[in-house]
Amino acid sequence: MRCATELPNRGGYCPVCGARRSDFARIISGFRDSAERAVATGLAALDRATEELEPVVERAAAALQPAAQEVGKALKPIADTTSRKANDVANALRPAAYRTATSLRRAATSTVSHVRPAVVKVAKKTGEAAHHLKEAARHKFG
């Protein structure tokens, strides 16, 4: 094409400069036209289906809404009772948990106070034994 003019779909020659359209360009143009028609047909079918289904979906939703509301109303007392019972259990367990924590703290404190003298004594004896070993090694090898 000499003038870069868009050729008519079925035209074999450019109306401006008279250049001949190639066979390849004609084939590609035909494919493009077919694809455009296929897409347009598919979109039209989709639009028709949407228009036909929209009222059906709206009626179904409208029919189900009261049932969903009734289910919600029926489950509300169960949910409220479950919540109250969970709070009651938590309130009942709180003092026991506090007492358990207090007892564990006392036991830990008591254990530390009873074990500390023994740990100090063991540490002292270990230090003495290490000192004696050093002295013996120094006399023997030193």
Protein backbone atom coordinates (compact mmCIF):
# COMPACT_ATOMS: atom_id res chain seq x y z
CA MET A 1 0.00 0.00 0.00
CA ARG A 2 1.51 3.29 -1.02
CA CYS A 3 -0.75 5.76 0.74
CA ALA A 4 -1.46 3.81 4.00
CA THR A 5 -5.19 4.20 3.52
CA GLU A 6 -7.41 1.58 5.19
CA LEU A 7 -8.92 -0.49 2.40
CA PRO A 8 -12.61 -1.38 2.36
CA ASN A 9 -13.26 -4.94 3.65
CA ARG A 10 -13.97 -6.55 0.30
CA GLY A 11 -12.08 -4.10 -1.90
CA GLY A 12 -9.20 -5.33 -4.03
CA TYR A 13 -7.78 -1.86 -4.79
CA CYS A 14 -7.13 1.27 -2.77
CA PRO A 15 -9.71 3.94 -3.66
CA VAL A 16 -7.12 6.73 -3.13
CA CYS A 17 -3.95 5.52 -4.83
CA GLY A 18 -5.15 2.44 -6.76
CA ALA A 19 -2.69 0.03 -5.12
CA ARG A 20 -3.70 -3.63 -5.29
CA ARG A 21 -4.44 -5.45 -2.02
CA SER A 22 -2.35 -8.58 -1.50
CA ASP A 23 -3.99 -11.98 -1.10
CA PHE A 24 -2.41 -12.41 2.34
CA ALA A 25 -3.89 -9.12 3.52
CA ARG A 26 -7.28 -10.25 2.22
CA ILE A 27 -7.02 -13.54 4.17
CA ILE A 28 -5.98 -11.75 7.38
CA SER A 29 -8.80 -9.26 6.90
CA GLY A 30 -11.24 -12.12 6.50
CA PHE A 31 -9.99 -13.78 9.69
CA ARG A 32 -10.30 -10.48 11.55
CA ASP A 33 -13.86 -9.98 10.31
CA SER A 34 -14.81 -13.55 11.30
CA ALA A 35 -13.31 -13.13 14.76
CA GLU A 36 -15.12 -9.81 15.28
CA ARG A 37 -18.43 -11.37 14.26
CA ALA A 38 -17.83 -14.36 16.57
CA VAL A 39 -17.07 -12.09 19.52
CA ALA A 40 -20.10 -9.92 18.80
CA THR A 41 -22.33 -12.99 18.55
CA GLY A 42 -20.95 -14.39 21.82
CA LEU A 43 -21.48 -11.09 23.62
CA ALA A 44 -25.02 -10.80 22.29
CA ALA A 45 -25.81 -14.34 23.50
CA LEU A 46 -24.31 -13.56 26.90
CA ASP A 47 -26.38 -10.37 27.15
CA ARG A 48 -29.57 -12.28 26.30
CA ALA A 49 -28.76 -14.98 28.87
CA THR A 50 -28.04 -12.36 31.52
CA GLU A 51 -31.31 -10.57 30.81
CA GLU A 52 -33.22 -13.85 31.03
CA LEU A 53 -31.49 -15.07 34.22
CA GLU A 54 -31.51 -11.82 36.18
CA PRO A 55 -35.23 -11.93 37.08
CA VAL A 56 -34.95 -15.62 38.03
CA VAL A 57 -32.03 -14.93 40.37
CA GLU A 58 -33.81 -11.93 41.89
CA ARG A 59 -36.97 -14.00 42.52
CA ALA A 60 -34.91 -16.80 44.09
CA ALA A 61 -33.09 -14.35 46.36
CA ALA A 62 -36.37 -12.72 47.35
CA ALA A 63 -37.88 -16.14 48.10
CA LEU A 64 -34.89 -17.23 50.20
CA GLN A 65 -34.52 -14.03 52.20
CA PRO A 66 -37.42 -14.72 54.63
CA ALA A 67 -36.13 -18.25 55.21
CA ALA A 68 -32.65 -16.93 55.98
CA GLN A 69 -34.11 -14.39 58.39
CA GLU A 70 -36.12 -17.13 60.13
CA VAL A 71 -33.02 -19.29 60.49
CA GLY A 72 -31.20 -16.32 62.00
CA LYS A 73 -34.06 -15.70 64.44
CA ALA A 74 -34.16 -19.39 65.36
CA LEU A 75 -30.39 -19.56 65.99
CA LYS A 76 -30.17 -16.34 68.01
CA PRO A 77 -31.40 -17.87 71.31
CA ILE A 78 -28.98 -20.78 70.88
CA ALA A 79 -26.10 -18.39 70.24
CA ASP A 80 -27.10 -16.25 73.23
CA THR A 81 -27.34 -19.29 75.51
CA THR A 82 -23.98 -20.60 74.32
CA SER A 83 -22.40 -17.20 74.97
CA ARG A 84 -23.89 -17.00 78.47
CA LYS A 85 -22.73 -20.53 79.31
CA ALA A 86 -19.22 -19.80 78.07
CA ASN A 87 -19.11 -16.67 80.25
CA ASP A 88 -20.42 -18.68 83.23
CA VAL A 89 -17.69 -21.30 82.74
CA ALA A 90 -15.03 -18.61 82.47
CA ASN A 91 -16.32 -16.91 85.62
CA ALA A 92 -16.41 -20.23 87.49
CA LEU A 93 -12.88 -21.17 86.43
CA ARG A 94 -11.30 -17.79 87.20
CA PRO A 95 -11.08 -18.31 91.02
CA ALA A 96 -9.75 -21.84 90.59
CA ALA A 97 -7.14 -20.63 88.13
CA TYR A 98 -6.14 -17.84 90.53
CA ARG A 99 -5.82 -20.32 93.41
CA THR A 100 -3.77 -22.68 91.24
CA ALA A 101 -1.43 -19.89 90.18
CA THR A 102 -1.01 -18.75 93.80
CA SER A 103 -0.26 -22.32 94.94
CA LEU A 104 2.30 -22.76 92.16
CA ARG A 105 4.02 -19.50 93.13
CA ARG A 106 4.17 -20.59 96.78
CA ALA A 107 5.51 -24.02 95.83
CA ALA A 108 8.20 -22.47 93.62
CA THR A 109 9.24 -20.04 96.36
CA SER A 110 9.32 -22.82 98.94
CA THR A 111 11.31 -25.11 96.64
CA VAL A 112 13.87 -22.39 95.94
CA SER A 113 14.25 -21.59 99.63
CA HIS A 114 14.78 -25.30 100.47
CA VAL A 115 17.11 -26.07 97.57
CA ARG A 116 19.26 -22.93 97.72
CA PRO A 117 21.37 -24.01 100.73
CA ALA A 118 22.09 -27.37 99.12
CA VAL A 119 23.09 -25.70 95.83
CA VAL A 120 25.37 -23.29 97.68
CA LYS A 121 26.94 -26.18 99.60
CA VAL A 122 27.48 -28.20 96.39
CA ALA A 123 29.00 -25.18 94.66
CA LYS A 124 31.35 -24.63 97.61
CA LYS A 125 32.41 -28.30 97.70
CA THR A 126 32.93 -28.32 93.92
CA GLY A 127 35.10 -25.22 94.17
CA GLU A 128 37.14 -26.81 96.97
CA ALA A 129 37.56 -30.04 94.97
CA ALA A 130 38.71 -28.06 91.92
CA HIS A 131 41.21 -26.17 94.09
CA HIS A 132 42.57 -29.43 95.57
CA LEU A 133 42.94 -30.91 92.06
CA LYS A 134 44.86 -27.83 90.91
CA GLU A 135 47.16 -28.04 93.89
CA ALA A 136 47.76 -31.75 93.40
CA ALA A 137 48.45 -31.27 89.68
CA ARG A 138 50.84 -28.40 90.41
CA HIS A 139 52.80 -30.50 92.96
CA LYS A 140 52.91 -33.55 90.76
CA PHE A 141 53.64 -31.89 87.38
CA GLY A 142 54.84 -28.53 88.42
